[in-house]
N, C-alpha and C. Protein backbone atom coordinates (compact mmCIF):
# COMPACT_ATOMS: atom_id res chain seq x y z
N MET A 1 115.86 83.41 63.80
CA MET A 1 115.80 82.48 64.88
C MET A 1 116.84 81.23 64.98
N PRO A 2 117.93 81.60 65.51
CA PRO A 2 118.98 80.43 65.30
C PRO A 2 118.63 79.27 66.10
N THR A 3 119.06 78.03 65.24
CA THR A 3 118.84 76.63 65.81
C THR A 3 120.07 76.32 66.68
N ILE A 4 119.87 75.97 67.95
CA ILE A 4 121.07 75.63 68.95
C ILE A 4 121.28 74.19 68.86
N LEU A 5 119.92 73.45 68.79
CA LEU A 5 120.54 71.81 68.87
C LEU A 5 119.06 71.21 68.08
N ARG A 6 119.62 70.03 67.52
CA ARG A 6 118.63 69.39 67.06
C ARG A 6 118.62 67.76 67.67
N GLN A 7 117.77 67.21 68.36
CA GLN A 7 117.73 66.12 69.09
C GLN A 7 116.36 65.41 69.11
N ASP A 8 116.46 64.05 68.68
CA ASP A 8 115.02 63.41 69.11
C ASP A 8 114.13 63.61 68.19
N GLY A 9 114.21 64.35 67.03
CA GLY A 9 113.03 65.09 66.47
C GLY A 9 112.61 66.23 66.84
N PHE A 10 113.25 66.84 68.03
CA PHE A 10 113.02 68.36 68.32
C PHE A 10 114.05 69.39 67.75
N ARG A 11 113.61 70.68 67.57
CA ARG A 11 114.66 71.80 67.02
C ARG A 11 114.56 72.63 68.26
N PHE A 12 115.56 72.93 68.91
CA PHE A 12 115.79 73.91 69.96
C PHE A 12 116.46 75.26 69.54
N PHE A 13 115.62 76.37 69.82
CA PHE A 13 115.87 77.65 69.16
C PHE A 13 115.45 78.79 69.93
N PHE A 14 115.86 80.02 69.68
CA PHE A 14 115.28 81.19 70.23
C PHE A 14 115.11 82.17 69.26
N TYR A 15 114.27 83.13 69.48
CA TYR A 15 113.83 84.06 68.67
C TYR A 15 114.97 85.23 68.88
N SER A 16 115.21 86.06 67.83
CA SER A 16 116.19 87.23 67.91
C SER A 16 115.79 88.47 68.65
N ARG A 17 114.45 88.75 68.93
CA ARG A 17 114.07 89.77 69.62
C ARG A 17 113.44 89.63 70.94
N GLU A 18 114.01 88.67 71.61
CA GLU A 18 113.61 88.37 73.00
C GLU A 18 114.58 88.45 74.20
N GLY A 19 115.43 89.32 73.80
CA GLY A 19 116.61 89.52 74.73
C GLY A 19 116.19 90.15 75.91
N ASN A 20 115.14 90.75 76.21
CA ASN A 20 114.62 91.27 77.47
C ASN A 20 114.03 90.44 78.56
N GLU A 21 113.75 89.15 77.91
CA GLU A 21 113.17 88.24 78.97
C GLU A 21 114.23 87.26 79.46
N PRO A 22 113.82 86.63 80.44
CA PRO A 22 115.05 85.81 80.98
C PRO A 22 115.50 84.78 80.06
N PRO A 23 116.61 84.16 80.19
CA PRO A 23 117.12 83.09 79.20
C PRO A 23 116.02 81.78 78.92
N HIS A 24 115.81 81.69 78.08
CA HIS A 24 114.77 80.36 77.85
C HIS A 24 115.06 79.99 76.28
N ILE A 25 114.35 78.72 76.14
CA ILE A 25 114.48 77.95 74.65
C ILE A 25 113.29 77.80 74.32
N HIS A 26 113.02 77.88 72.92
CA HIS A 26 111.78 77.37 72.34
C HIS A 26 112.17 75.83 71.65
N VAL A 27 111.02 74.97 71.74
CA VAL A 27 111.37 73.69 71.27
C VAL A 27 110.10 73.38 70.30
N VAL A 28 110.46 72.85 69.29
CA VAL A 28 109.13 72.54 68.17
C VAL A 28 109.72 71.06 67.95
N GLY A 29 108.53 70.16 67.57
CA GLY A 29 108.72 68.96 67.14
C GLY A 29 107.46 68.04 67.46
N HIS A 30 107.46 66.88 66.64
CA HIS A 30 106.19 66.02 67.33
C HIS A 30 104.90 66.80 67.26
N ASP A 31 104.73 67.47 66.32
CA ASP A 31 103.56 68.28 66.19
C ASP A 31 103.32 69.05 67.47
N GLY A 32 104.01 69.51 68.12
CA GLY A 32 103.89 70.36 69.45
C GLY A 32 105.04 71.69 69.60
N GLU A 33 104.86 72.09 70.80
CA GLU A 33 105.95 73.11 70.96
C GLU A 33 106.06 73.16 72.55
N MET A 34 107.18 73.95 72.96
CA MET A 34 107.40 74.02 74.34
C MET A 34 108.33 75.59 74.45
N LYS A 35 108.18 76.11 75.64
CA LYS A 35 109.13 77.06 75.94
C LYS A 35 109.57 76.89 77.47
N VAL A 36 110.75 76.76 77.59
CA VAL A 36 111.19 76.35 78.84
C VAL A 36 112.51 77.65 79.21
N TRP A 37 112.13 78.13 80.64
CA TRP A 37 112.92 78.94 81.02
C TRP A 37 114.25 78.12 81.63
N LEU A 38 115.45 78.44 81.19
CA LEU A 38 116.83 77.97 81.52
C LEU A 38 117.13 77.96 82.85
N ASN A 39 117.01 79.39 83.64
CA ASN A 39 117.62 79.42 84.96
C ASN A 39 116.90 78.54 86.00
N THR A 40 115.58 78.30 85.59
CA THR A 40 115.01 77.42 86.66
C THR A 40 114.54 76.04 86.12
N LEU A 41 114.67 75.82 84.85
CA LEU A 41 114.18 74.76 84.32
C LEU A 41 112.66 74.42 84.42
N THR A 42 112.07 75.39 84.18
CA THR A 42 110.50 75.37 84.34
C THR A 42 109.94 75.55 83.09
N VAL A 43 108.88 74.88 82.91
CA VAL A 43 107.98 75.10 81.59
C VAL A 43 107.24 76.31 81.48
N ALA A 44 107.65 77.41 80.54
CA ALA A 44 106.66 78.46 80.28
C ALA A 44 105.54 78.25 79.69
N LYS A 45 105.60 77.41 78.75
CA LYS A 45 104.28 77.23 77.88
C LYS A 45 104.37 75.69 77.31
N VAL A 46 103.39 74.98 77.01
CA VAL A 46 103.49 73.78 76.35
C VAL A 46 102.20 73.97 75.39
N PHE A 47 102.28 73.31 73.99
CA PHE A 47 101.21 73.25 73.30
C PHE A 47 101.41 71.94 72.46
N ASN A 48 100.36 70.86 72.63
CA ASN A 48 100.33 69.81 71.85
C ASN A 48 101.34 68.81 71.98
N LEU A 49 102.03 68.77 73.04
CA LEU A 49 103.07 67.60 73.42
C LEU A 49 102.45 66.86 74.26
N SER A 50 102.71 65.60 74.19
CA SER A 50 102.43 64.45 75.02
C SER A 50 103.34 64.53 76.41
N PRO A 51 102.42 63.95 77.57
CA PRO A 51 103.64 64.24 78.59
C PRO A 51 104.92 63.25 78.48
N SER A 52 105.07 62.38 77.65
CA SER A 52 106.40 61.71 77.46
C SER A 52 107.07 62.48 76.75
N HIS A 53 106.87 63.26 75.70
CA HIS A 53 107.40 64.31 74.90
C HIS A 53 107.98 65.22 75.81
N GLN A 54 107.07 65.78 76.63
CA GLN A 54 107.50 67.05 77.49
C GLN A 54 108.52 66.39 78.40
N LYS A 55 108.52 65.32 78.90
CA LYS A 55 109.91 64.71 79.81
C LYS A 55 110.95 64.52 79.10
N LEU A 56 110.82 64.13 77.76
CA LEU A 56 112.15 64.01 77.14
C LEU A 56 112.76 65.43 76.77
N VAL A 57 111.90 66.39 76.24
CA VAL A 57 112.40 67.92 76.12
C VAL A 57 113.07 68.23 77.44
N MET A 58 112.42 67.96 78.49
CA MET A 58 113.16 68.69 79.65
C MET A 58 114.18 67.91 79.98
N GLU A 59 114.45 66.52 79.83
CA GLU A 59 115.77 65.92 80.10
C GLU A 59 116.80 66.43 79.01
N ILE A 60 116.54 66.61 77.72
CA ILE A 60 117.40 67.30 76.74
C ILE A 60 117.87 68.67 77.07
N VAL A 61 116.88 69.50 77.72
CA VAL A 61 117.19 70.93 77.95
C VAL A 61 118.07 70.92 79.40
N SER A 62 117.79 69.82 80.35
CA SER A 62 118.69 69.85 81.39
C SER A 62 120.11 69.38 81.22
N GLN A 63 120.21 68.16 80.12
CA GLN A 63 121.48 67.84 79.58
C GLN A 63 122.25 68.84 79.03
N ASN A 64 121.69 69.77 78.35
CA ASN A 64 122.27 70.78 77.55
C ASN A 64 122.42 72.06 78.07
N ARG A 65 121.67 72.26 79.43
CA ARG A 65 121.40 73.63 79.77
C ARG A 65 122.72 74.71 79.74
N ASP A 66 123.93 74.01 80.16
CA ASP A 66 125.05 75.05 79.83
C ASP A 66 125.31 75.67 78.39
N LEU A 67 125.07 74.79 77.46
CA LEU A 67 125.42 75.10 76.25
C LEU A 67 124.24 76.09 75.72
N LEU A 68 122.81 75.81 76.07
CA LEU A 68 121.93 76.66 76.09
C LEU A 68 121.96 77.96 76.55
N ILE A 69 122.31 78.08 77.60
CA ILE A 69 122.70 79.49 78.39
C ILE A 69 123.78 80.26 77.58
N LYS A 70 124.87 79.38 77.55
CA LYS A 70 126.04 80.15 76.86
C LYS A 70 125.48 80.94 75.43
N LYS A 71 124.77 79.99 74.74
CA LYS A 71 124.40 80.44 73.15
C LYS A 71 123.47 81.57 73.43
N TRP A 72 122.56 81.78 74.45
CA TRP A 72 121.62 82.64 74.69
C TRP A 72 122.41 84.09 74.89
N GLY A 73 123.37 83.84 75.91
CA GLY A 73 124.33 85.01 76.08
C GLY A 73 125.07 85.64 74.76
N GLU A 74 125.48 84.60 74.12
CA GLU A 74 126.24 84.95 73.01
C GLU A 74 125.29 85.66 71.90
N PHE A 75 124.15 85.37 71.81
CA PHE A 75 123.29 85.98 70.87
C PHE A 75 122.66 87.26 71.36
N HIS A 76 122.34 87.23 72.75
CA HIS A 76 121.50 88.30 72.88
C HIS A 76 122.51 89.15 73.79
N GLY A 77 123.61 88.98 73.95
CA GLY A 77 124.69 89.92 74.42
C GLY A 77 124.31 90.32 76.00
């Protein structure tokens, strides 16, 4: 599971066997996790993250969306 980005106490990564799903990123940190669809910038799931941390994650994903989609394509071909 390659790590693409680390920022503000979060690790942004994807799993190697998820190539048949639309591009998305998994995020862990601050005792919680999220999964975000990159094409629509919507939350697929969230567990144990405060609303302020969810907002921060979405800001980071939005700011790095092009990089995250590029890395998804490079890895999942």
